[in-house]
C-alpha atoms as a PDB file:
ATOM      1  CA  UNK A   1     -32.675 -10.366   2.698  1.00  0.00           C
ATOM      2  CA  UNK A   2     -31.671  -7.859   5.043  1.00  0.00           C
ATOM      3  CA  UNK A   3     -27.778  -7.915   6.839  1.00  0.00           C
ATOM      4  CA  UNK A   4     -26.425  -6.496   9.808  1.00  0.00           C
ATOM      5  CA  UNK A   5     -24.092  -3.626   9.516  1.00  0.00           C
ATOM      6  CA  UNK A   6     -20.664  -3.074  10.768  1.00  0.00           C
ATOM      7  CA  UNK A   7     -20.637  -2.044  14.610  1.00  0.00           C
ATOM      8  CA  UNK A   8     -19.981   0.990  16.032  1.00  0.00           C
ATOM      9  CA  UNK A   9     -16.183   2.691  15.349  1.00  0.00           C
ATOM     10  CA  UNK A  10     -13.741   4.870  16.079  1.00  0.00           C
ATOM     11  CA  UNK A  11     -12.121   7.784  13.856  1.00  0.00           C
ATOM     12  CA  UNK A  12      -9.510   6.395  11.878  1.00  0.00           C
ATOM     13  CA  UNK A  13     -11.156   7.205   8.632  1.00  0.00           C
ATOM     14  CA  UNK A  14     -13.908   4.983   8.920  1.00  0.00           C
ATOM     15  CA  UNK A  15     -16.150   7.049   7.114  1.00  0.00           C
ATOM     16  CA  UNK A  16     -14.103   7.123   3.788  1.00  0.00           C
ATOM     17  CA  UNK A  17     -14.433   4.461   0.943  1.00  0.00           C
ATOM     18  CA  UNK A  18     -12.159   1.387   1.327  1.00  0.00           C
ATOM     19  CA  UNK A  19      -9.508   0.411  -1.153  1.00  0.00           C
ATOM     20  CA  UNK A  20     -10.247  -2.455  -3.801  1.00  0.00           C
ATOM     21  CA  UNK A  21      -9.181  -5.014  -1.183  1.00  0.00           C
ATOM     22  CA  UNK A  22     -10.878  -4.911   2.246  1.00  0.00           C
ATOM     23  CA  UNK A  23      -9.139  -7.078   4.869  1.00  0.00           C
ATOM     24  CA  UNK A  24     -10.762  -7.829   7.996  1.00  0.00           C
ATOM     25  CA  UNK A  25      -8.934  -8.666  11.276  1.00  0.00           C
ATOM     26  CA  UNK A  26     -10.692  -9.604  14.230  1.00  0.00           C
ATOM     27  CA  UNK A  27      -9.193  -9.028  17.348  1.00  0.00           C
ATOM     28  CA  UNK A  28      -9.462 -10.051  21.102  1.00  0.00           C
ATOM     29  CA  UNK A  29      -6.498  -9.076  23.736  1.00  0.00           C
ATOM     30  CA  UNK A  30      -3.830  -9.567  21.324  1.00  0.00           C
ATOM     31  CA  UNK A  31      -1.264  -7.117  22.401  1.00  0.00           C
ATOM     32  CA  UNK A  32       1.374  -9.290  21.803  1.00  0.00           C
ATOM     33  CA  UNK A  33       0.850 -10.183  18.324  1.00  0.00           C
ATOM     34  CA  UNK A  34      -1.210  -7.916  16.534  1.00  0.00           C
ATOM     35  CA  UNK A  35       1.722  -5.476  15.963  1.00  0.00           C
ATOM     36  CA  UNK A  36       3.504  -8.182  13.952  1.00  0.00           C
ATOM     37  CA  UNK A  37       0.467  -8.878  11.895  1.00  0.00           C
ATOM     38  CA  UNK A  38       0.173  -5.588  10.957  1.00  0.00           C
ATOM     39  CA  UNK A  39       3.959  -5.300  10.113  1.00  0.00           C
ATOM     40  CA  UNK A  40       3.077  -8.337   7.809  1.00  0.00           C
ATOM     41  CA  UNK A  41       0.522  -6.357   6.000  1.00  0.00           C
ATOM     42  CA  UNK A  42       2.903  -3.285   5.736  1.00  0.00           C
ATOM     43  CA  UNK A  43       5.261  -5.379   3.970  1.00  0.00           C
ATOM     44  CA  UNK A  44       2.848  -6.462   1.243  1.00  0.00           C
ATOM     45  CA  UNK A  45       4.039  -5.862  -2.401  1.00  0.00           C
ATOM     46  CA  UNK A  46       0.400  -5.399  -3.543  1.00  0.00           C
ATOM     47  CA  UNK A  47      -0.622  -2.402  -1.494  1.00  0.00           C
ATOM     48  CA  UNK A  48      -4.434  -1.565  -2.654  1.00  0.00           C
ATOM     49  CA  UNK A  49      -5.851  -2.644   0.097  1.00  0.00           C
ATOM     50  CA  UNK A  50      -7.703  -1.398   3.728  1.00  0.00           C
ATOM     51  CA  UNK A  51      -7.091  -2.985   6.827  1.00  0.00           C
ATOM     52  CA  UNK A  52     -10.325  -3.269   9.231  1.00  0.00           C
ATOM     53  CA  UNK A  53      -9.372  -4.339  12.782  1.00  0.00           C
ATOM     54  CA  UNK A  54     -12.359  -5.496  14.755  1.00  0.00           C
ATOM     55  CA  UNK A  55     -12.075  -5.284  18.275  1.00  0.00           C
ATOM     56  CA  UNK A  56     -14.140  -7.676  20.147  1.00  0.00           C
ATOM     57  CA  UNK A  57     -14.007  -6.409  23.665  1.00  0.00           C
ATOM     58  CA  UNK A  58     -10.165  -6.199  24.066  1.00  0.00           C
ATOM     59  CA  UNK A  59      -9.428  -4.975  27.955  1.00  0.00           C
ATOM     60  CA  UNK A  60      -5.621  -4.646  27.337  1.00  0.00           C
ATOM     61  CA  UNK A  61      -3.564  -2.490  24.936  1.00  0.00           C
ATOM     62  CA  UNK A  62      -4.483  -3.808  21.713  1.00  0.00           C
ATOM     63  CA  UNK A  63      -6.575  -0.713  20.465  1.00  0.00           C
ATOM     64  CA  UNK A  64      -3.994   1.687  21.435  1.00  0.00           C
ATOM     65  CA  UNK A  65      -1.442  -0.505  19.733  1.00  0.00           C
ATOM     66  CA  UNK A  66      -3.386  -0.505  16.328  1.00  0.00           C
ATOM     67  CA  UNK A  67      -3.923   3.282  16.560  1.00  0.00           C
ATOM     68  CA  UNK A  68      -0.223   3.729  17.220  1.00  0.00           C
ATOM     69  CA  UNK A  69       0.600   1.829  14.027  1.00  0.00           C
ATOM     70  CA  UNK A  70      -1.661   3.713  12.050  1.00  0.00           C
ATOM     71  CA  UNK A  71      -0.236   7.063  12.892  1.00  0.00           C
ATOM     72  CA  UNK A  72       3.234   5.368  12.153  1.00  0.00           C
ATOM     73  CA  UNK A  73       2.059   4.199   8.615  1.00  0.00           C
ATOM     74  CA  UNK A  74       0.021   7.030   7.101  1.00  0.00           C
ATOM     75  CA  UNK A  75       0.575   5.351   3.714  1.00  0.00           C
ATOM     76  CA  UNK A  76      -1.791   2.431   4.688  1.00  0.00           C
ATOM     77  CA  UNK A  77      -5.545   2.784   5.182  1.00  0.00           C
ATOM     78  CA  UNK A  78      -6.167   1.216   8.421  1.00  0.00           C
ATOM     79  CA  UNK A  79      -9.579   1.234   9.892  1.00  0.00           C
ATOM     80  CA  UNK A  80     -10.420   0.253  13.743  1.00  0.00           C
ATOM     81  CA  UNK A  81     -14.181  -0.414  14.669  1.00  0.00           C
ATOM     82  CA  UNK A  82     -15.835  -2.058  17.578  1.00  0.00           C
ATOM     83  CA  UNK A  83     -18.039  -5.147  17.707  1.00  0.00           C
ATOM     84  CA  UNK A  84     -19.593  -5.544  21.237  1.00  0.00           C
ATOM     85  CA  UNK A  85     -21.122  -8.683  20.318  1.00  0.00           C
ATOM     86  CA  UNK A  86     -18.831 -11.366  21.346  1.00  0.00           C
ATOM     87  CA  UNK A  87     -17.714 -14.155  18.729  1.00  0.00           C
ATOM     88  CA  UNK A  88     -15.270 -14.540  15.943  1.00  0.00           C
ATOM     89  CA  UNK A  89     -18.171 -14.869  13.577  1.00  0.00           C
ATOM     90  CA  UNK A  90     -19.500 -11.814  14.735  1.00  0.00           C
ATOM     91  CA  UNK A  91     -16.099  -9.997  14.646  1.00  0.00           C
ATOM     92  CA  UNK A  92     -15.341 -11.374  11.311  1.00  0.00           C
ATOM     93  CA  UNK A  93     -18.889 -10.442   9.869  1.00  0.00           C
ATOM     94  CA  UNK A  94     -18.668  -6.809  11.215  1.00  0.00           C
ATOM     95  CA  UNK A  95     -15.238  -6.399   9.057  1.00  0.00           C
ATOM     96  CA  UNK A  96     -16.105  -8.063   6.159  1.00  0.00           C
ATOM     97  CA  UNK A  97     -19.274  -6.147   5.712  1.00  0.00           C
ATOM     98  CA  UNK A  98     -17.519  -3.081   6.601  1.00  0.00           C
ATOM     99  CA  UNK A  99     -15.670  -3.503   3.272  1.00  0.00           C
ATOM    100  CA  UNK A 100     -18.589  -4.387   1.380  1.00  0.00           C
ATOM    101  CA  UNK A 101     -20.516  -1.315   2.678  1.00  0.00           C
ATOM    102  CA  UNK A 102     -17.664   1.044   1.976  1.00  0.00           C
ATOM    103  CA  UNK A 103     -16.831  -0.114  -1.685  1.00  0.00           C
ATOM    104  CA  UNK A 104     -14.303  -2.776  -1.591  1.00  0.00           C
ATOM    105  CA  UNK A 105     -14.578  -5.238  -4.600  1.00  0.00           C
ATOM    106  CA  UNK A 106     -12.886  -7.917  -2.828  1.00  0.00           C
ATOM    107  CA  UNK A 107     -12.771  -9.069   0.729  1.00  0.00           C
ATOM    108  CA  UNK A 108     -10.269 -11.129   2.456  1.00  0.00           C
ATOM    109  CA  UNK A 109      -9.669 -12.177   6.669  1.00  0.00           C
ATOM    110  CA  UNK A 110      -6.950 -12.957   8.237  1.00  0.00           C
ATOM    111  CA  UNK A 111      -6.387 -12.718  12.128  1.00  0.00           C
ATOM    112  CA  UNK A 112      -4.234 -10.781  14.525  1.00  0.00           C
ATOM    113  CA  UNK A 113      -2.233 -13.504  15.469  1.00  0.00           C
ATOM    114  CA  UNK A 114      -1.168 -14.609  11.957  1.00  0.00           C
ATOM    115  CA  UNK A 115       1.737 -13.543   9.655  1.00  0.00           C
ATOM    116  CA  UNK A 116       0.743 -12.993   6.085  1.00  0.00           C
ATOM    117  CA  UNK A 117       3.433 -13.860   3.344  1.00  0.00           C
ATOM    118  CA  UNK A 118       4.619 -11.037   1.753  1.00  0.00           C
ATOM    119  CA  UNK A 119       2.916 -11.934  -1.679  1.00  0.00           C
ATOM    120  CA  UNK A 120      -0.227 -12.588  -0.011  1.00  0.00           C
ATOM    121  CA  UNK A 121      -2.465  -9.490  -1.064  1.00  0.00           C
ATOM    122  CA  UNK A 122      -0.828  -9.911  -4.828  1.00  0.00           C
ATOM    123  CA  UNK A 123      -1.662 -13.882  -4.968  1.00  0.00           C
ATOM    124  CA  UNK A 124      -5.231 -13.043  -3.788  1.00  0.00           C
ATOM    125  CA  UNK A 125      -5.533 -10.309  -6.286  1.00  0.00           C
ATOM    126  CA  UNK A 126      -4.541 -12.730  -9.042  1.00  0.00           C
ATOM    127  CA  UNK A 127      -6.864 -15.252  -8.140  1.00  0.00           C
ATOM    128  CA  UNK A 128      -9.768 -13.159  -8.216  1.00  0.00           C
ATOM    129  CA  UNK A 129      -8.397 -12.017 -11.681  1.00  0.00           C
ATOM    130  CA  UNK A 130      -8.537 -15.622 -12.745  1.00  0.00           C
ATOM    131  CA  UNK A 131     -12.320 -15.466 -12.060  1.00  0.00           C
ATOM    132  CA  UNK A 132     -12.970 -17.062  -8.557  1.00  0.00           C
ATOM    133  CA  UNK A 133     -15.462 -15.912  -6.127  1.00  0.00           C
ATOM    134  CA  UNK A 134     -14.145 -17.641  -2.945  1.00  0.00           C
ATOM    135  CA  UNK A 135     -10.478 -18.157  -2.097  1.00  0.00           C
ATOM    136  CA  UNK A 136      -9.180 -20.604   0.572  1.00  0.00           C
ATOM    137  CA  UNK A 137      -5.488 -20.419   1.296  1.00  0.00           C
ATOM    138  CA  UNK A 138      -2.672 -22.575   2.654  1.00  0.00           C
ATOM    139  CA  UNK A 139      -2.414 -22.481   6.653  1.00  0.00           C
ATOM    140  CA  UNK A 140       1.462 -23.039   7.806  1.00  0.00           C
ATOM    141  CA  UNK A 141       2.411 -22.960  11.119  1.00  0.00           C
ATOM    142  CA  UNK A 142       4.251 -20.030  12.548  1.00  0.00           C
ATOM    143  CA  UNK A 143       8.097 -20.737  13.402  1.00  0.00           C
ATOM    144  CA  UNK A 144       8.700 -18.506  15.945  1.00  0.00           C
ATOM    145  CA  UNK A 145       6.237 -19.916  18.668  1.00  0.00           C
ATOM    146  CA  UNK A 146       8.741 -22.896  19.874  1.00  0.00           C
ATOM    147  CA  UNK A 147       7.311 -25.620  18.122  1.00  0.00           C
ATOM    148  CA  UNK A 148       9.866 -28.459  16.705  1.00  0.00           C
ATOM    149  CA  UNK A 149      10.196 -29.222  12.771  1.00  0.00           C
ATOM    150  CA  UNK A 150       8.278 -32.545  13.637  1.00  0.00           C
ATOM    151  CA  UNK A 151       5.311 -30.860  15.204  1.00  0.00           C
ATOM    152  CA  UNK A 152       5.061 -28.465  12.435  1.00  0.00           C
ATOM    153  CA  UNK A 153       5.009 -31.651   9.778  1.00  0.00           C
ATOM    154  CA  UNK A 154       2.379 -33.384  11.695  1.00  0.00           C
ATOM    155  CA  UNK A 155       0.272 -30.005  11.928  1.00  0.00           C
ATOM    156  CA  UNK A 156       0.629 -29.710   8.133  1.00  0.00           C
ATOM    157  CA  UNK A 157      -0.448 -33.427   7.802  1.00  0.00           C
ATOM    158  CA  UNK A 158      -3.315 -32.998  10.231  1.00  0.00           C
ATOM    159  CA  UNK A 159      -4.829 -30.135   8.142  1.00  0.00           C
ATOM    160  CA  UNK A 160      -4.661 -32.174   4.958  1.00  0.00           C
ATOM    161  CA  UNK A 161      -6.342 -34.893   6.547  1.00  0.00           C
ATOM    162  CA  UNK A 162      -8.770 -32.843   7.872  1.00  0.00           C
ATOM    163  CA  UNK A 163      -9.542 -31.180   4.353  1.00  0.00           C
ATOM    164  CA  UNK A 164     -10.032 -34.959   3.233  1.00  0.00           C
ATOM    165  CA  UNK A 165     -12.448 -35.949   5.921  1.00  0.00           C
ATOM    166  CA  UNK A 166     -14.342 -32.634   5.409  1.00  0.00           C
ATOM    167  CA  UNK A 167     -15.090 -33.582   1.917  1.00  0.00           C
ATOM    168  CA  UNK A 168     -16.788 -36.868   3.000  1.00  0.00           C
ATOM    169  CA  UNK A 169     -18.588 -35.772   6.269  1.00  0.00           C
ATOM    170  CA  UNK A 170     -22.196 -36.076   6.278  1.00  0.00           C
ATOM    171  CA  UNK A 171     -22.669 -32.763   7.647  1.00  0.00           C
ATOM    172  CA  UNK A 172     -21.048 -31.115   4.445  1.00  0.00           C
ATOM    173  CA  UNK A 173     -23.093 -33.156   2.274  1.00  0.00           C
ATOM    174  CA  UNK A 174     -26.555 -32.752   0.935  1.00  0.00           C
ATOM    175  CA  UNK A 175     -28.764 -31.719  -1.712  1.00  0.00           C
ATOM    176  CA  UNK A 176     -28.241 -27.900  -3.470  1.00  0.00           C
ATOM    177  CA  UNK A 177     -24.546 -28.094  -3.341  1.00  0.00           C
ATOM    178  CA  UNK A 178     -23.007 -27.006  -6.641  1.00  0.00           C
ATOM    179  CA  UNK A 179     -19.337 -28.433  -5.948  1.00  0.00           C
ATOM    180  CA  UNK A 180     -17.609 -30.433  -3.109  1.00  0.00           C
ATOM    181  CA  UNK A 181     -16.998 -29.152   0.199  1.00  0.00           C
ATOM    182  CA  UNK A 182     -13.843 -26.888   0.658  1.00  0.00           C
ATOM    183  CA  UNK A 183     -12.156 -26.614   3.916  1.00  0.00           C
ATOM    184  CA  UNK A 184     -11.822 -22.698   4.459  1.00  0.00           C
ATOM    185  CA  UNK A 185      -9.138 -21.260   7.013  1.00  0.00           C
ATOM    186  CA  UNK A 186     -10.814 -18.528   8.707  1.00  0.00           C
ATOM    187  CA  UNK A 187      -7.414 -16.490   8.880  1.00  0.00           C
ATOM    188  CA  UNK A 188      -6.886 -17.073   5.594  1.00  0.00           C
ATOM    189  CA  UNK A 189      -9.606 -16.530   2.949  1.00  0.00           C
ATOM    190  CA  UNK A 190     -10.889 -14.232   0.522  1.00  0.00           C
ATOM    191  CA  UNK A 191     -14.342 -13.697  -1.247  1.00  0.00           C
ATOM    192  CA  UNK A 192     -15.739 -11.168  -3.653  1.00  0.00           C
ATOM    193  CA  UNK A 193     -17.644  -8.664  -1.818  1.00  0.00           C
ATOM    194  CA  UNK A 194     -20.896  -9.614  -4.247  1.00  0.00           C
ATOM    195  CA  UNK A 195     -20.604 -13.182  -3.330  1.00  0.00           C
ATOM    196  CA  UNK A 196     -20.285 -12.128   0.493  1.00  0.00           C
ATOM    197  CA  UNK A 197     -23.431 -10.687   0.673  1.00  0.00           C
ATOM    198  CA  UNK A 198     -25.215 -12.858  -1.638  1.00  0.00           C
ATOM    199  CA  UNK A 199     -24.235 -15.965   0.695  1.00  0.00           C
ATOM    200  CA  UNK A 200     -25.138 -14.183   3.683  1.00  0.00           C
ATOM    201  CA  UNK A 201     -21.646 -14.228   4.888  1.00  0.00           C
ATOM    202  CA  UNK A 202     -19.886 -15.364   8.249  1.00  0.00           C
ATOM    203  CA  UNK A 203     -22.836 -16.296  10.824  1.00  0.00           C
ATOM    204  CA  UNK A 204     -22.547 -14.169  13.702  1.00  0.00           C
ATOM    205  CA  UNK A 205     -21.927 -16.666  16.200  1.00  0.00           C
ATOM    206  CA  UNK A 206     -19.283 -17.880  19.081  1.00  0.00           C
ATOM    207  CA  UNK A 207     -16.628 -20.121  17.929  1.00  0.00           C
ATOM    208  CA  UNK A 208     -17.328 -22.041  20.971  1.00  0.00           C
ATOM    209  CA  UNK A 209     -20.842 -22.849  19.036  1.00  0.00           C
ATOM    210  CA  UNK A 210     -19.862 -23.146  15.571  1.00  0.00           C
ATOM    211  CA  UNK A 211     -17.245 -22.760  13.022  1.00  0.00           C
ATOM    212  CA  UNK A 212     -17.952 -20.130  10.845  1.00  0.00           C
ATOM    213  CA  UNK A 213     -15.349 -20.677   8.218  1.00  0.00           C
ATOM    214  CA  UNK A 214     -17.436 -23.909   7.394  1.00  0.00           C
ATOM    215  CA  UNK A 215     -20.606 -22.397   7.692  1.00  0.00           C
ATOM    216  CA  UNK A 216     -19.442 -19.806   5.202  1.00  0.00           C
ATOM    217  CA  UNK A 217     -18.009 -22.753   2.698  1.00  0.00           C
ATOM    218  CA  UNK A 218     -21.329 -24.583   2.656  1.00  0.00           C
ATOM    219  CA  UNK A 219     -23.238 -21.216   1.981  1.00  0.00           C
ATOM    220  CA  UNK A 220     -21.219 -20.516  -0.756  1.00  0.00           C
ATOM    221  CA  UNK A 221     -21.243 -23.963  -2.425  1.00  0.00           C
ATOM    222  CA  UNK A 222     -24.926 -23.297  -3.074  1.00  0.00           C
ATOM    223  CA  UNK A 223     -24.489 -20.619  -5.020  1.00  0.00           C
ATOM    224  CA  UNK A 224     -21.269 -21.126  -7.151  1.00  0.00           C
ATOM    225  CA  UNK A 225     -18.525 -23.625  -8.592  1.00  0.00           C
ATOM    226  CA  UNK A 226     -15.969 -20.588  -8.502  1.00  0.00           C
ATOM    227  CA  UNK A 227     -14.000 -21.379  -5.260  1.00  0.00           C
ATOM    228  CA  UNK A 228     -10.775 -23.202  -4.985  1.00  0.00           C
ATOM    229  CA  UNK A 229      -7.812 -23.996  -2.718  1.00  0.00           C
ATOM    230  CA  UNK A 230      -4.910 -21.564  -3.640  1.00  0.00           C
ATOM    231  CA  UNK A 231      -1.625 -22.889  -2.014  1.00  0.00           C
ATOM    232  CA  UNK A 232       0.403 -20.072  -3.036  1.00  0.00           C
ATOM    233  CA  UNK A 233      -2.075 -17.717  -0.704  1.00  0.00           C
ATOM    234  CA  UNK A 234       0.015 -17.959   2.176  1.00  0.00           C
ATOM    235  CA  UNK A 235      -0.443 -17.498   5.934  1.00  0.00           C
ATOM    236  CA  UNK A 236       1.464 -18.378   8.862  1.00  0.00           C
ATOM    237  CA  UNK A 237      -1.181 -19.085  11.822  1.00  0.00           C
ATOM    238  CA  UNK A 238      -0.558 -19.367  15.612  1.00  0.00           C
ATOM    239  CA  UNK A 239       0.127 -22.868  17.184  1.00  0.00           C
ATOM    240  CA  UNK A 240      -0.907 -21.509  20.787  1.00  0.00           C
ATOM    241  CA  UNK A 241      -3.946 -23.954  20.958  1.00  0.00           C
ATOM    242  CA  UNK A 242      -1.701 -26.818  19.704  1.00  0.00           C
ATOM    243  CA  UNK A 243       0.861 -26.063  22.525  1.00  0.00           C
ATOM    244  CA  UNK A 244      -1.884 -25.777  24.943  1.00  0.00           C
ATOM    245  CA  UNK A 245      -4.256 -28.477  24.512  1.00  0.00           C
ATOM    246  CA  UNK A 246      -1.886 -31.041  22.275  1.00  0.00           C
ATOM    247  CA  UNK A 247      -2.243 -31.633  18.589  1.00  0.00           C
ATOM    248  CA  UNK A 248      -5.025 -34.602  19.363  1.00  0.00           C
ATOM    249  CA  UNK A 249      -7.352 -32.396  21.449  1.00  0.00           C
ATOM    250  CA  UNK A 250      -7.116 -29.543  19.345  1.00  0.00           C
ATOM    251  CA  UNK A 251      -8.085 -31.516  16.210  1.00  0.00           C
ATOM    252  CA  UNK A 252     -10.986 -32.815  18.352  1.00  0.00           C
ATOM    253  CA  UNK A 253     -11.928 -29.313  18.663  1.00  0.00           C
ATOM    254  CA  UNK A 254     -11.883 -27.939  15.446  1.00  0.00           C
ATOM    255  CA  UNK A 255     -13.310 -31.476  14.026  1.00  0.00           C
ATOM    256  CA  UNK A 256     -16.640 -31.155  16.078  1.00  0.00           C
ATOM    257  CA  UNK A 257     -16.205 -29.688  19.299  1.00  0.00           C
ATOM    258  CA  UNK A 258     -15.691 -33.105  20.842  1.00  0.00           C
ATOM    259  CA  UNK A 259     -12.861 -31.709  22.848  1.00  0.00           C
ATOM    260  CA  UNK A 260     -14.217 -28.807  25.373  1.00  0.00           C
ATOM    261  CA  UNK A 261     -11.552 -26.867  26.900  1.00  0.00           C
ATOM    262  CA  UNK A 262     -12.493 -24.543  29.641  1.00  0.00           C
ATOM    263  CA  UNK A 263     -10.664 -21.840  28.117  1.00  0.00           C
ATOM    264  CA  UNK A 264     -10.882 -21.144  24.242  1.00  0.00           C
ATOM    265  CA  UNK A 265      -9.153 -17.858  23.924  1.00  0.00           C
ATOM    266  CA  UNK A 266      -5.766 -18.927  24.530  1.00  0.00           C
ATOM    267  CA  UNK A 267      -3.181 -15.619  24.998  1.00  0.00           C
END
């Protein structure tokens, strides 16, 4: 099976081999938050990783901020590539395949509005050492976006409920699966490069059409049982959609697009 290669790229060391772990960071108009995300990666205790920021058509200062950050942190391996095909699936796939094509053993993904815990990459490396081929991490709401403690608690509970219903959801059942469905946060996951390529990776779709993280989870389940939720692999995610749409509508959107907002890219 042939697979698309990473899209056109800028010169931030893009031809050099990546480090052992390659982290894809899809980005679209994230000038307000992308530097915070990169700061969280710069603070990691395990540093044998490459950051592949995939710009998906930003019209603000996002790319300039990434380039400036790379210049300020020469000890980090930061690449900036461009994916002209609109969609979180397309951008994520480009970033993951960039790592696989440039020599990475392990691939991870977070988003440009997220903060990785300081031991995020270390915990990923440990999980792979334990023999896992796909890792679903623990997603926790950010604490700096003005939501209350009660709202954060309700969001965490909602994630647990969604994970349970994902296991009994008819669309996640069928012949050929080697293990139960595992909800996979797109902004906090990791996979071996070999498994990513063998499974077909993220579908190159728009989030309006398909949740690419659910699709990848189901693809992997047909090939291996070596996947787990690791609650010690922590990323703090943005609550912007919850603030804009409310918790009920946000859950309906992520469940099966029952809620159809006019604007999906909340900034």
